[in-house]
Amino acid sequence: MVAVVATERAVADGWAPSAALDLARGWSAQGARVMLIDCGLDGPTLHLTAGVPNREGLTDATFHGASVARVARPLDEGAFYLVTGGSPVADAASVARSPRWHRLSSGMTEAGVTVALYVRAGDACAASFLGSASDIVVLAARGEPAPGVIQDLEPLVRGVTAPADAAGPEATRPSRAGPRRSAVRPRAGSSGAGRMIVFVILAVVVAALLGVALTSVLR
C-alpha cells in the first residue's frame, strides 16, 4: 500500500496528478499490478488528467456496494487501473475509516496488487488514508519543507521527487532507521513528457508480482 503524497505546492502548481499517473505507469512497466486510487476526495482530479469520467469510484465502492470491477478503469490499454474519487461525501475521512475500505484494500494487497493511494497533503482526509500506507513517495517542489501530515511517518518515505525542470541534481532516500528532520528535497530527472517526474522505483514493488490475476480480487 503505497501513498503518493502531493504537497500543497505540488497541487497548486498543477503537476501532481500527472506525476501520480507517471509513477503508476513506471511501476506497471516493472511488472507490478497497479491500482491507483484517487483519495483526494475533497476535489478529485486524477480522472481529469487521465481523461476519464468520475462516475462511480472509491466512495461508491466503500459506501454503496459497487464492486472494484465496476469502479476500476483500465488505463494505457490495461497496463494499470485507476479508481476515481466517485460520488461526493460529506466526510471524506469516513471513507478511510470504513471497514469496507479496509476489506477492499486488504483483499487487493493480499492478492499481490500494488495499491497506490494518491493523497493531497492539504486535504482534511490525508492523515486518515496515510494510516493504511506501508510506503510513501512524496511529490514536492525543490527546497519545500516536509508536509506536516507525514512528519511522524518519515521512516516510511522511500523517495521524494519533483518535475525535472524544477529540480537540481540532489536526491535523497530516507533511511528506515529514524525520521528525517531536514526539509525534503526532490529527486531530479525527466521523462518523455518533459514536465513529468522520473519514476521512483520502490523496493516494495521491485519484487515479482506476476501470476496473480487482478480479477481474482474483484468482488
N, C-alpha and C. Protein backbone atom coordinates (compact mmCIF):
# COMPACT_ATOMS: atom_id res chain seq x y z
N MET A 1 0.86 -1.18 0.00
CA MET A 1 0.00 0.00 0.00
C MET A 1 0.90 1.23 0.00
N VAL A 2 1.05 1.84 -1.17
CA VAL A 2 1.97 2.96 -1.34
C VAL A 2 1.17 4.26 -1.38
N ALA A 3 1.48 5.21 -0.52
CA ALA A 3 0.84 6.52 -0.57
C ALA A 3 1.72 7.47 -1.37
N VAL A 4 1.15 8.05 -2.41
CA VAL A 4 1.82 9.07 -3.20
C VAL A 4 1.29 10.41 -2.70
N VAL A 5 2.10 11.10 -1.90
CA VAL A 5 1.64 12.28 -1.18
C VAL A 5 2.09 13.54 -1.91
N ALA A 6 1.14 14.32 -2.38
CA ALA A 6 1.42 15.57 -3.07
C ALA A 6 1.35 16.72 -2.08
N THR A 7 2.40 17.53 -2.01
CA THR A 7 2.38 18.69 -1.14
C THR A 7 1.41 19.73 -1.71
N GLU A 8 1.08 20.72 -0.89
CA GLU A 8 0.15 21.76 -1.34
C GLU A 8 0.72 22.54 -2.53
N ARG A 9 2.02 22.74 -2.53
CA ARG A 9 2.62 23.46 -3.66
C ARG A 9 2.58 22.62 -4.93
N ALA A 10 2.84 21.32 -4.80
CA ALA A 10 2.78 20.44 -5.97
C ALA A 10 1.38 20.43 -6.58
N VAL A 11 0.38 20.46 -5.72
CA VAL A 11 -1.01 20.51 -6.19
C VAL A 11 -1.29 21.85 -6.85
N ALA A 12 -0.87 22.93 -6.20
CA ALA A 12 -1.14 24.27 -6.73
C ALA A 12 -0.45 24.50 -8.06
N ASP A 13 0.75 23.93 -8.23
CA ASP A 13 1.49 24.11 -9.48
C ASP A 13 0.93 23.26 -10.61
N GLY A 14 0.06 22.30 -10.27
CA GLY A 14 -0.67 21.56 -11.29
C GLY A 14 -0.03 20.30 -11.83
N TRP A 15 1.17 19.92 -11.33
CA TRP A 15 1.83 18.75 -11.90
C TRP A 15 1.62 17.47 -11.09
N ALA A 16 1.04 17.57 -9.91
CA ALA A 16 0.93 16.40 -9.04
C ALA A 16 0.09 15.26 -9.64
N PRO A 17 -1.09 15.50 -10.24
CA PRO A 17 -1.86 14.38 -10.81
C PRO A 17 -1.10 13.64 -11.91
N SER A 18 -0.42 14.39 -12.79
CA SER A 18 0.36 13.75 -13.84
C SER A 18 1.50 12.92 -13.25
N ALA A 19 2.09 13.43 -12.17
CA ALA A 19 3.17 12.70 -11.53
C ALA A 19 2.68 11.37 -10.96
N ALA A 20 1.52 11.39 -10.32
CA ALA A 20 0.97 10.16 -9.75
C ALA A 20 0.69 9.13 -10.85
N LEU A 21 0.14 9.58 -11.96
CA LEU A 21 -0.12 8.66 -13.08
C LEU A 21 1.19 8.14 -13.66
N ASP A 22 2.21 8.98 -13.73
CA ASP A 22 3.51 8.56 -14.24
C ASP A 22 4.13 7.49 -13.35
N LEU A 23 4.00 7.64 -12.05
CA LEU A 23 4.52 6.63 -11.13
C LEU A 23 3.83 5.29 -11.34
N ALA A 24 2.51 5.32 -11.48
CA ALA A 24 1.76 4.08 -11.72
C ALA A 24 2.23 3.41 -13.01
N ARG A 25 2.46 4.21 -14.04
CA ARG A 25 2.96 3.64 -15.30
C ARG A 25 4.34 3.00 -15.11
N GLY A 26 5.19 3.69 -14.35
CA GLY A 26 6.53 3.17 -14.13
C GLY A 26 6.51 1.85 -13.38
N TRP A 27 5.68 1.78 -12.33
CA TRP A 27 5.62 0.53 -11.56
C TRP A 27 5.03 -0.60 -12.38
N SER A 28 4.02 -0.30 -13.18
CA SER A 28 3.43 -1.35 -14.01
C SER A 28 4.43 -1.83 -15.06
N ALA A 29 5.26 -0.91 -15.56
CA ALA A 29 6.28 -1.31 -16.52
C ALA A 29 7.33 -2.23 -15.90
N GLN A 30 7.47 -2.19 -14.58
CA GLN A 30 8.40 -3.07 -13.87
C GLN A 30 7.77 -4.42 -13.55
N GLY A 31 6.52 -4.62 -13.94
CA GLY A 31 5.87 -5.91 -13.73
C GLY A 31 4.86 -5.93 -12.60
N ALA A 32 4.66 -4.81 -11.92
CA ALA A 32 3.68 -4.77 -10.84
C ALA A 32 2.27 -4.62 -11.39
N ARG A 33 1.32 -5.18 -10.69
CA ARG A 33 -0.10 -4.98 -11.00
C ARG A 33 -0.57 -3.81 -10.13
N VAL A 34 -0.86 -2.69 -10.75
CA VAL A 34 -1.05 -1.44 -10.02
C VAL A 34 -2.49 -0.97 -10.08
N MET A 35 -3.02 -0.61 -8.92
CA MET A 35 -4.32 0.02 -8.80
C MET A 35 -4.09 1.40 -8.17
N LEU A 36 -4.23 2.45 -8.96
CA LEU A 36 -4.07 3.82 -8.47
C LEU A 36 -5.44 4.35 -8.04
N ILE A 37 -5.52 4.85 -6.81
CA ILE A 37 -6.80 5.28 -6.24
C ILE A 37 -6.72 6.75 -5.87
N ASP A 38 -7.68 7.53 -6.34
CA ASP A 38 -7.73 8.96 -6.04
C ASP A 38 -8.36 9.15 -4.66
N CYS A 39 -7.52 9.46 -3.67
CA CYS A 39 -8.01 9.69 -2.31
C CYS A 39 -8.16 11.18 -2.01
N GLY A 40 -8.05 12.01 -3.02
CA GLY A 40 -8.29 13.44 -2.84
C GLY A 40 -9.77 13.73 -2.94
N LEU A 41 -10.52 13.23 -2.00
CA LEU A 41 -11.98 13.22 -2.12
C LEU A 41 -12.63 14.58 -1.93
N ASP A 42 -11.88 15.55 -1.44
CA ASP A 42 -12.45 16.90 -1.34
C ASP A 42 -12.55 17.59 -2.69
N GLY A 43 -11.94 16.99 -3.69
CA GLY A 43 -11.99 17.53 -5.06
C GLY A 43 -11.16 16.66 -5.97
N PRO A 44 -11.63 15.48 -6.34
CA PRO A 44 -10.84 14.54 -7.14
C PRO A 44 -10.35 15.16 -8.44
N THR A 45 -9.13 14.81 -8.84
CA THR A 45 -8.54 15.39 -10.06
C THR A 45 -7.91 14.36 -10.99
N LEU A 46 -7.60 13.17 -10.51
CA LEU A 46 -6.89 12.21 -11.35
C LEU A 46 -7.68 11.88 -12.61
N HIS A 47 -9.01 11.84 -12.51
CA HIS A 47 -9.81 11.49 -13.69
C HIS A 47 -9.67 12.54 -14.78
N LEU A 48 -9.51 13.80 -14.38
CA LEU A 48 -9.35 14.88 -15.37
C LEU A 48 -8.05 14.69 -16.14
N THR A 49 -6.97 14.41 -15.44
CA THR A 49 -5.68 14.21 -16.09
C THR A 49 -5.67 12.95 -16.94
N ALA A 50 -6.34 11.91 -16.45
CA ALA A 50 -6.38 10.64 -17.18
C ALA A 50 -7.37 10.68 -18.34
N GLY A 51 -8.27 11.66 -18.35
CA GLY A 51 -9.25 11.76 -19.42
C GLY A 51 -10.37 10.76 -19.33
N VAL A 52 -10.79 10.43 -18.11
CA VAL A 52 -11.90 9.51 -17.91
C VAL A 52 -12.94 10.18 -17.03
N PRO A 53 -14.20 9.75 -17.10
CA PRO A 53 -15.22 10.38 -16.27
C PRO A 53 -15.12 9.94 -14.81
N ASN A 54 -15.56 10.80 -13.92
CA ASN A 54 -15.62 10.46 -12.50
C ASN A 54 -17.07 10.14 -12.16
N ARG A 55 -17.45 8.94 -12.44
CA ARG A 55 -18.81 8.49 -12.11
C ARG A 55 -18.74 7.71 -10.80
N GLU A 56 -18.81 6.40 -10.88
CA GLU A 56 -18.63 5.60 -9.67
C GLU A 56 -17.14 5.43 -9.39
N GLY A 57 -16.78 5.51 -8.12
CA GLY A 57 -15.37 5.41 -7.75
C GLY A 57 -15.19 4.90 -6.34
N LEU A 58 -14.19 5.45 -5.66
CA LEU A 58 -13.84 4.97 -4.33
C LEU A 58 -14.99 5.06 -3.35
N THR A 59 -15.67 6.18 -3.31
CA THR A 59 -16.75 6.33 -2.33
C THR A 59 -17.90 5.38 -2.62
N ASP A 60 -18.15 5.09 -3.88
CA ASP A 60 -19.24 4.17 -4.23
C ASP A 60 -18.89 2.74 -3.87
N ALA A 61 -17.62 2.36 -4.03
CA ALA A 61 -17.19 1.03 -3.63
C ALA A 61 -17.23 0.87 -2.12
N THR A 62 -16.98 1.98 -1.41
CA THR A 62 -16.92 1.92 0.05
C THR A 62 -18.31 1.96 0.68
N PHE A 63 -19.17 2.85 0.20
CA PHE A 63 -20.44 3.09 0.88
C PHE A 63 -21.68 2.55 0.13
N HIS A 64 -21.55 2.33 -1.17
CA HIS A 64 -22.75 1.98 -1.94
C HIS A 64 -22.69 0.59 -2.56
N GLY A 65 -21.71 -0.20 -2.18
CA GLY A 65 -21.67 -1.59 -2.60
C GLY A 65 -21.16 -1.84 -4.01
N ALA A 66 -20.66 -0.82 -4.70
CA ALA A 66 -20.11 -1.03 -6.04
C ALA A 66 -18.86 -1.91 -5.94
N SER A 67 -18.72 -2.83 -6.87
CA SER A 67 -17.56 -3.72 -6.85
C SER A 67 -16.33 -3.00 -7.39
N VAL A 68 -15.16 -3.53 -7.04
CA VAL A 68 -13.93 -2.99 -7.58
C VAL A 68 -13.92 -3.13 -9.10
N ALA A 69 -14.45 -4.24 -9.59
CA ALA A 69 -14.51 -4.45 -11.04
C ALA A 69 -15.31 -3.34 -11.72
N ARG A 70 -16.31 -2.83 -11.04
CA ARG A 70 -17.16 -1.80 -11.62
C ARG A 70 -16.48 -0.42 -11.62
N VAL A 71 -15.72 -0.14 -10.58
CA VAL A 71 -15.16 1.22 -10.45
C VAL A 71 -13.73 1.35 -10.98
N ALA A 72 -13.04 0.24 -11.19
CA ALA A 72 -11.65 0.29 -11.67
C ALA A 72 -11.64 0.48 -13.19
N ARG A 73 -10.96 1.52 -13.63
CA ARG A 73 -10.91 1.84 -15.06
C ARG A 73 -9.52 1.52 -15.60
N PRO A 74 -9.43 0.68 -16.63
CA PRO A 74 -8.12 0.37 -17.20
C PRO A 74 -7.55 1.56 -17.96
N LEU A 75 -6.28 1.83 -17.75
CA LEU A 75 -5.57 2.89 -18.47
C LEU A 75 -4.40 2.29 -19.23
N ASP A 76 -3.96 2.98 -20.26
CA ASP A 76 -2.84 2.51 -21.09
C ASP A 76 -3.08 1.08 -21.56
N GLU A 77 -4.28 0.85 -22.09
CA GLU A 77 -4.66 -0.46 -22.61
C GLU A 77 -4.53 -1.55 -21.56
N GLY A 78 -4.94 -1.22 -20.35
CA GLY A 78 -4.96 -2.21 -19.28
C GLY A 78 -3.64 -2.39 -18.55
N ALA A 79 -2.67 -1.50 -18.79
CA ALA A 79 -1.38 -1.63 -18.09
C ALA A 79 -1.55 -1.44 -16.59
N PHE A 80 -2.44 -0.54 -16.20
CA PHE A 80 -2.77 -0.36 -14.79
C PHE A 80 -4.19 0.16 -14.69
N TYR A 81 -4.70 0.25 -13.47
CA TYR A 81 -6.09 0.62 -13.25
C TYR A 81 -6.18 1.88 -12.39
N LEU A 82 -7.22 2.67 -12.65
CA LEU A 82 -7.49 3.87 -11.88
C LEU A 82 -8.87 3.78 -11.25
N VAL A 83 -8.93 4.05 -9.95
CA VAL A 83 -10.21 4.20 -9.26
C VAL A 83 -10.37 5.68 -8.97
N THR A 84 -11.37 6.30 -9.55
CA THR A 84 -11.59 7.73 -9.34
C THR A 84 -12.21 7.99 -7.97
N GLY A 85 -12.37 9.26 -7.63
CA GLY A 85 -12.91 9.59 -6.31
C GLY A 85 -14.34 9.12 -6.11
N GLY A 86 -15.16 9.26 -7.14
CA GLY A 86 -16.54 8.81 -7.05
C GLY A 86 -17.48 9.88 -6.53
N SER A 87 -18.62 9.44 -6.05
CA SER A 87 -19.67 10.36 -5.60
C SER A 87 -19.21 11.20 -4.42
N PRO A 88 -19.62 12.46 -4.35
CA PRO A 88 -19.21 13.31 -3.23
C PRO A 88 -19.71 12.78 -1.89
N VAL A 89 -18.93 12.99 -0.85
CA VAL A 89 -19.32 12.61 0.50
C VAL A 89 -19.08 13.80 1.42
N ALA A 90 -19.86 13.88 2.49
CA ALA A 90 -19.73 15.00 3.42
C ALA A 90 -18.45 14.91 4.23
N ASP A 91 -18.05 13.70 4.60
CA ASP A 91 -16.87 13.49 5.44
C ASP A 91 -15.94 12.53 4.72
N ALA A 92 -14.94 13.07 4.03
CA ALA A 92 -14.04 12.24 3.25
C ALA A 92 -13.24 11.28 4.13
N ALA A 93 -12.91 11.68 5.35
CA ALA A 93 -12.13 10.81 6.24
C ALA A 93 -12.91 9.56 6.62
N SER A 94 -14.23 9.61 6.55
CA SER A 94 -15.03 8.44 6.90
C SER A 94 -14.81 7.30 5.93
N VAL A 95 -14.37 7.60 4.72
CA VAL A 95 -14.07 6.53 3.75
C VAL A 95 -12.89 5.71 4.25
N ALA A 96 -11.82 6.39 4.67
CA ALA A 96 -10.63 5.70 5.15
C ALA A 96 -10.89 4.93 6.44
N ARG A 97 -11.87 5.36 7.22
CA ARG A 97 -12.19 4.67 8.48
C ARG A 97 -13.15 3.52 8.29
N SER A 98 -13.71 3.37 7.11
CA SER A 98 -14.75 2.38 6.88
C SER A 98 -14.19 0.95 6.87
N PRO A 99 -14.84 0.01 7.56
CA PRO A 99 -14.41 -1.40 7.48
C PRO A 99 -14.43 -1.94 6.07
N ARG A 100 -15.38 -1.47 5.26
CA ARG A 100 -15.45 -1.90 3.87
C ARG A 100 -14.18 -1.50 3.10
N TRP A 101 -13.68 -0.29 3.32
CA TRP A 101 -12.44 0.14 2.68
C TRP A 101 -11.28 -0.76 3.07
N HIS A 102 -11.19 -1.10 4.35
CA HIS A 102 -10.09 -1.95 4.80
C HIS A 102 -10.20 -3.36 4.21
N ARG A 103 -11.41 -3.87 4.05
CA ARG A 103 -11.57 -5.18 3.42
C ARG A 103 -11.15 -5.14 1.96
N LEU A 104 -11.57 -4.09 1.25
CA LEU A 104 -11.23 -3.97 -0.17
C LEU A 104 -9.72 -3.83 -0.36
N SER A 105 -9.11 -2.93 0.38
CA SER A 105 -7.68 -2.69 0.20
C SER A 105 -6.85 -3.91 0.63
N SER A 106 -7.26 -4.56 1.71
CA SER A 106 -6.54 -5.75 2.16
C SER A 106 -6.65 -6.87 1.14
N GLY A 107 -7.83 -7.02 0.54
CA GLY A 107 -8.01 -8.05 -0.47
C GLY A 107 -7.10 -7.85 -1.66
N MET A 108 -6.94 -6.61 -2.08
CA MET A 108 -6.08 -6.33 -3.23
C MET A 108 -4.61 -6.58 -2.91
N THR A 109 -4.15 -6.07 -1.77
CA THR A 109 -2.74 -6.25 -1.43
C THR A 109 -2.41 -7.72 -1.18
N GLU A 110 -3.32 -8.45 -0.57
CA GLU A 110 -3.08 -9.87 -0.31
C GLU A 110 -2.99 -10.66 -1.61
N ALA A 111 -3.63 -10.18 -2.66
CA ALA A 111 -3.58 -10.84 -3.96
C ALA A 111 -2.41 -10.36 -4.82
N GLY A 112 -1.53 -9.55 -4.26
CA GLY A 112 -0.34 -9.13 -4.99
C GLY A 112 -0.52 -7.88 -5.82
N VAL A 113 -1.57 -7.13 -5.58
CA VAL A 113 -1.78 -5.87 -6.30
C VAL A 113 -1.09 -4.74 -5.53
N THR A 114 -0.35 -3.91 -6.22
CA THR A 114 0.23 -2.72 -5.60
C THR A 114 -0.82 -1.63 -5.61
N VAL A 115 -1.32 -1.28 -4.45
CA VAL A 115 -2.34 -0.25 -4.32
C VAL A 115 -1.64 1.08 -4.06
N ALA A 116 -1.80 2.02 -4.98
CA ALA A 116 -1.16 3.34 -4.86
C ALA A 116 -2.23 4.37 -4.53
N LEU A 117 -2.13 4.99 -3.38
CA LEU A 117 -3.10 5.96 -2.91
C LEU A 117 -2.61 7.37 -3.22
N TYR A 118 -3.32 8.09 -4.06
CA TYR A 118 -2.96 9.49 -4.34
C TYR A 118 -3.57 10.35 -3.24
N VAL A 119 -2.72 10.95 -2.42
CA VAL A 119 -3.15 11.71 -1.25
C VAL A 119 -2.60 13.12 -1.36
N ARG A 120 -3.44 14.11 -1.15
CA ARG A 120 -3.00 15.51 -1.15
C ARG A 120 -2.79 15.95 0.29
N ALA A 121 -1.59 16.42 0.59
CA ALA A 121 -1.21 16.72 1.97
C ALA A 121 -2.13 17.75 2.62
N GLY A 122 -2.70 18.64 1.84
CA GLY A 122 -3.54 19.68 2.41
C GLY A 122 -4.97 19.28 2.67
N ASP A 123 -5.37 18.07 2.28
CA ASP A 123 -6.75 17.63 2.48
C ASP A 123 -6.98 17.17 3.92
N ALA A 124 -8.17 17.40 4.42
CA ALA A 124 -8.50 17.00 5.79
C ALA A 124 -8.44 15.49 5.97
N CYS A 125 -8.67 14.73 4.89
CA CYS A 125 -8.70 13.27 4.99
C CYS A 125 -7.33 12.64 4.79
N ALA A 126 -6.29 13.44 4.54
CA ALA A 126 -4.97 12.89 4.20
C ALA A 126 -4.43 11.98 5.29
N ALA A 127 -4.48 12.41 6.54
CA ALA A 127 -3.92 11.62 7.63
C ALA A 127 -4.63 10.28 7.77
N SER A 128 -5.94 10.26 7.54
CA SER A 128 -6.70 9.02 7.67
C SER A 128 -6.26 7.99 6.64
N PHE A 129 -6.02 8.41 5.40
CA PHE A 129 -5.57 7.48 4.38
C PHE A 129 -4.12 7.05 4.60
N LEU A 130 -3.30 7.94 5.12
CA LEU A 130 -1.91 7.59 5.35
C LEU A 130 -1.76 6.51 6.41
N GLY A 131 -2.77 6.34 7.25
CA GLY A 131 -2.72 5.27 8.24
C GLY A 131 -2.70 3.89 7.62
N SER A 132 -3.08 3.77 6.35
CA SER A 132 -3.08 2.48 5.66
C SER A 132 -1.78 2.19 4.93
N ALA A 133 -0.91 3.18 4.80
CA ALA A 133 0.25 3.06 3.93
C ALA A 133 1.40 2.30 4.58
N SER A 134 2.07 1.48 3.78
CA SER A 134 3.30 0.83 4.23
C SER A 134 4.53 1.54 3.69
N ASP A 135 4.35 2.34 2.63
CA ASP A 135 5.44 3.08 2.00
C ASP A 135 4.89 4.40 1.48
N ILE A 136 5.77 5.40 1.39
CA ILE A 136 5.33 6.74 0.97
C ILE A 136 6.32 7.29 -0.06
N VAL A 137 5.78 7.89 -1.10
CA VAL A 137 6.56 8.70 -2.04
C VAL A 137 6.00 10.11 -1.96
N VAL A 138 6.86 11.11 -1.84
CA VAL A 138 6.42 12.49 -1.71
C VAL A 138 6.66 13.24 -3.02
N LEU A 139 5.66 13.97 -3.47
CA LEU A 139 5.78 14.85 -4.62
C LEU A 139 5.92 16.26 -4.08
N ALA A 140 7.10 16.86 -4.23
CA ALA A 140 7.37 18.16 -3.60
C ALA A 140 8.24 19.01 -4.50
N ALA A 141 8.08 20.32 -4.41
CA ALA A 141 8.95 21.24 -5.12
C ALA A 141 10.31 21.30 -4.43
N ARG A 142 11.33 21.67 -5.19
CA ARG A 142 12.67 21.73 -4.63
C ARG A 142 12.74 22.70 -3.45
N GLY A 143 13.34 22.22 -2.35
CA GLY A 143 13.51 23.04 -1.16
C GLY A 143 12.27 23.16 -0.31
N GLU A 144 11.18 22.54 -0.72
CA GLU A 144 9.94 22.65 0.04
C GLU A 144 10.04 21.81 1.31
N PRO A 145 9.60 22.31 2.45
CA PRO A 145 9.67 21.52 3.69
C PRO A 145 8.71 20.34 3.66
N ALA A 146 9.05 19.34 4.43
CA ALA A 146 8.19 18.16 4.51
C ALA A 146 6.80 18.56 5.02
N PRO A 147 5.74 18.09 4.38
CA PRO A 147 4.40 18.43 4.86
C PRO A 147 4.16 17.86 6.25
N GLY A 148 3.43 18.60 7.05
CA GLY A 148 3.20 18.19 8.43
C GLY A 148 2.53 16.84 8.55
N VAL A 149 1.73 16.47 7.57
CA VAL A 149 0.97 15.23 7.66
C VAL A 149 1.86 13.99 7.64
N ILE A 150 3.11 14.12 7.16
CA ILE A 150 4.00 12.94 7.14
C ILE A 150 5.11 13.02 8.17
N GLN A 151 5.13 14.03 9.01
CA GLN A 151 6.27 14.20 9.90
C GLN A 151 6.46 13.06 10.87
N ASP A 152 5.40 12.38 11.25
CA ASP A 152 5.53 11.21 12.12
C ASP A 152 5.68 9.92 11.32
N LEU A 153 5.69 10.03 10.00
CA LEU A 153 5.73 8.85 9.14
C LEU A 153 6.97 8.85 8.25
N GLU A 154 7.91 9.71 8.51
CA GLU A 154 9.06 9.84 7.61
C GLU A 154 9.90 8.58 7.46
N PRO A 155 9.93 7.66 8.44
CA PRO A 155 10.65 6.39 8.19
C PRO A 155 10.05 5.59 7.03
N LEU A 156 8.82 5.87 6.66
CA LEU A 156 8.18 5.15 5.56
C LEU A 156 8.48 5.77 4.20
N VAL A 157 9.11 6.95 4.18
CA VAL A 157 9.33 7.65 2.92
C VAL A 157 10.44 6.94 2.14
N ARG A 158 10.12 6.55 0.91
CA ARG A 158 11.07 5.84 0.06
C ARG A 158 11.69 6.74 -1.01
N GLY A 159 11.08 7.87 -1.29
CA GLY A 159 11.63 8.76 -2.29
C GLY A 159 10.88 10.07 -2.32
N VAL A 160 11.55 11.10 -2.81
CA VAL A 160 10.96 12.42 -2.96
C VAL A 160 11.28 12.87 -4.38
N THR A 161 10.30 13.38 -5.10
CA THR A 161 10.54 13.72 -6.49
C THR A 161 9.78 14.96 -6.90
N ALA A 162 10.24 15.59 -7.98
CA ALA A 162 9.66 16.83 -8.49
C ALA A 162 9.80 16.85 -10.00
N PRO A 163 9.15 17.78 -10.68
CA PRO A 163 9.33 17.89 -12.13
C PRO A 163 10.79 18.17 -12.46
N ALA A 164 11.26 17.65 -13.57
CA ALA A 164 12.67 17.79 -13.92
C ALA A 164 13.09 19.23 -14.05
N ASP A 165 12.22 20.09 -14.55
CA ASP A 165 12.62 21.47 -14.77
C ASP A 165 12.58 22.31 -13.51
N ALA A 166 12.18 21.69 -12.36
CA ALA A 166 12.16 22.42 -11.10
C ALA A 166 13.17 21.87 -10.12
N ALA A 167 13.91 20.82 -10.53
CA ALA A 167 14.77 20.13 -9.58
C ALA A 167 16.23 20.25 -9.98
N GLY A 168 17.09 20.12 -9.00
CA GLY A 168 18.52 20.11 -9.22
C GLY A 168 19.06 18.70 -9.15
N PRO A 169 20.37 18.53 -9.02
CA PRO A 169 20.96 17.21 -9.09
C PRO A 169 20.84 16.39 -7.82
N GLU A 170 20.39 16.97 -6.74
CA GLU A 170 20.38 16.22 -5.49
C GLU A 170 19.13 15.38 -5.35
N ALA A 171 19.26 14.25 -4.69
CA ALA A 171 18.13 13.39 -4.38
C ALA A 171 18.39 12.74 -3.04
N THR A 172 17.33 12.43 -2.32
CA THR A 172 17.50 11.82 -1.02
C THR A 172 16.70 10.54 -0.94
N ARG A 173 17.16 9.64 -0.11
CA ARG A 173 16.45 8.38 0.14
C ARG A 173 16.49 8.14 1.63
N PRO A 174 15.46 8.57 2.37
CA PRO A 174 15.49 8.46 3.82
C PRO A 174 15.66 7.02 4.30
N SER A 175 16.31 6.86 5.41
CA SER A 175 16.54 5.55 5.99
C SER A 175 15.37 5.13 6.86
N ARG A 176 15.22 3.83 7.01
CA ARG A 176 14.20 3.30 7.93
C ARG A 176 14.64 3.47 9.38
N ALA A 177 15.90 3.82 9.61
CA ALA A 177 16.41 3.84 10.97
C ALA A 177 15.74 4.90 11.83
N GLY A 178 15.26 5.95 11.25
CA GLY A 178 14.64 7.00 12.04
C GLY A 178 14.11 8.08 11.15
N PRO A 179 13.28 8.98 11.69
CA PRO A 179 12.69 10.04 10.86
C PRO A 179 13.73 11.05 10.43
N ARG A 180 13.52 11.59 9.22
CA ARG A 180 14.34 12.69 8.74
C ARG A 180 13.90 13.97 9.43
N ARG A 181 14.85 14.84 9.77
CA ARG A 181 14.50 16.09 10.44
C ARG A 181 14.76 17.30 9.55
N SER A 182 15.35 17.09 8.40
CA SER A 182 15.57 18.20 7.48
C SER A 182 14.43 18.28 6.49
N ALA A 183 14.40 19.37 5.73
CA ALA A 183 13.37 19.51 4.70
C ALA A 183 13.57 18.45 3.64
N VAL A 184 12.47 17.98 3.05
CA VAL A 184 12.58 17.01 1.97
C VAL A 184 13.16 17.71 0.76
N ARG A 185 13.91 16.96 -0.05
CA ARG A 185 14.49 17.51 -1.27
C ARG A 185 14.08 16.63 -2.45
N PRO A 186 13.76 17.21 -3.60
CA PRO A 186 13.23 16.46 -4.71
C PRO A 186 14.29 15.68 -5.46
N ARG A 187 13.85 14.60 -6.07
CA ARG A 187 14.70 13.80 -6.94
C ARG A 187 14.71 14.42 -8.32
N ALA A 188 15.85 14.51 -8.93
CA ALA A 188 15.97 15.13 -10.25
C ALA A 188 15.81 14.08 -11.33
N GLY A 189 15.47 14.54 -12.53
CA GLY A 189 15.38 13.64 -13.66
C GLY A 189 14.31 14.10 -14.60
N SER A 190 14.03 13.34 -15.65
CA SER A 190 13.00 13.72 -16.60
C SER A 190 12.41 12.49 -17.21
N SER A 191 11.25 12.65 -17.80
CA SER A 191 10.60 11.59 -18.56
C SER A 191 10.35 12.12 -19.94
N GLY A 192 9.75 11.29 -20.80
CA GLY A 192 9.50 11.70 -22.16
C GLY A 192 8.54 12.86 -22.26
N ALA A 193 7.77 13.13 -21.24
CA ALA A 193 6.78 14.20 -21.28
C ALA A 193 7.33 15.54 -20.82
N GLY A 194 8.61 15.64 -20.55
CA GLY A 194 9.20 16.93 -20.19
C GLY A 194 8.96 17.28 -18.75
N ARG A 195 7.73 17.70 -18.42
CA ARG A 195 7.42 18.10 -17.05
C ARG A 195 7.10 16.91 -16.18
N MET A 196 6.94 15.74 -16.74
CA MET A 196 6.64 14.56 -15.95
C MET A 196 7.83 14.22 -15.06
N ILE A 197 7.57 13.62 -13.92
CA ILE A 197 8.63 13.25 -13.00
C ILE A 197 9.30 11.95 -13.44
N VAL A 198 10.47 11.72 -12.90
CA VAL A 198 11.12 10.44 -13.10
C VAL A 198 10.41 9.39 -12.27
N PHE A 199 10.58 8.12 -12.69
CA PHE A 199 9.98 7.03 -11.93
C PHE A 199 10.82 6.74 -10.69
N VAL A 200 10.15 6.66 -9.57
CA VAL A 200 10.82 6.26 -8.33
C VAL A 200 10.43 4.82 -8.07
N ILE A 201 11.37 3.92 -8.24
CA ILE A 201 11.07 2.50 -8.11
C ILE A 201 11.25 2.09 -6.65
N LEU A 202 10.17 1.71 -6.03
CA LEU A 202 10.21 1.33 -4.62
C LEU A 202 10.65 -0.11 -4.45
N ALA A 203 11.34 -0.37 -3.34
CA ALA A 203 11.74 -1.74 -3.05
C ALA A 203 10.54 -2.65 -2.92
N VAL A 204 9.43 -2.08 -2.41
CA VAL A 204 8.26 -2.92 -2.17
C VAL A 204 7.62 -3.41 -3.45
N VAL A 205 7.88 -2.71 -4.60
CA VAL A 205 7.26 -3.16 -5.84
C VAL A 205 8.27 -3.75 -6.81
N VAL A 206 9.53 -3.85 -6.40
CA VAL A 206 10.51 -4.46 -7.28
C VAL A 206 10.30 -5.97 -7.34
N ALA A 207 9.82 -6.56 -6.21
CA ALA A 207 9.58 -8.00 -6.17
C ALA A 207 8.59 -8.40 -7.25
N ALA A 208 8.74 -9.60 -7.76
CA ALA A 208 7.85 -10.07 -8.83
C ALA A 208 6.45 -10.22 -8.29
N LEU A 209 5.48 -9.62 -8.99
CA LEU A 209 4.08 -9.69 -8.59
C LEU A 209 3.27 -10.41 -9.67
N LEU A 210 3.99 -11.24 -10.45
CA LEU A 210 3.33 -11.92 -11.55
C LEU A 210 2.55 -13.13 -11.05
N GLY A 211 1.65 -13.62 -11.88
CA GLY A 211 0.94 -14.86 -11.61
C GLY A 211 -0.35 -14.71 -10.88
N VAL A 212 -0.68 -13.49 -10.44
CA VAL A 212 -1.94 -13.27 -9.74
C VAL A 212 -2.79 -12.35 -10.59
N ALA A 213 -3.87 -12.82 -11.12
CA ALA A 213 -4.72 -12.00 -11.99
C ALA A 213 -5.46 -10.98 -11.16
N LEU A 214 -5.55 -9.77 -11.68
CA LEU A 214 -6.25 -8.70 -10.98
C LEU A 214 -7.70 -9.08 -10.72
N THR A 215 -8.27 -9.81 -11.63
CA THR A 215 -9.70 -10.13 -11.48
C THR A 215 -9.97 -11.07 -10.31
N SER A 216 -8.94 -11.70 -9.79
CA SER A 216 -9.16 -12.60 -8.66
C SER A 216 -9.59 -11.88 -7.41
N VAL A 217 -9.37 -10.55 -7.38
CA VAL A 217 -9.77 -9.80 -6.19
C VAL A 217 -10.92 -8.86 -6.47
N LEU A 218 -11.46 -8.89 -7.65
CA LEU A 218 -12.57 -8.01 -7.97
C LEU A 218 -13.86 -8.67 -7.53
N ARG A 219 -14.46 -8.13 -6.54
CA ARG A 219 -15.68 -8.74 -5.99
C ARG A 219 -16.83 -7.77 -6.14
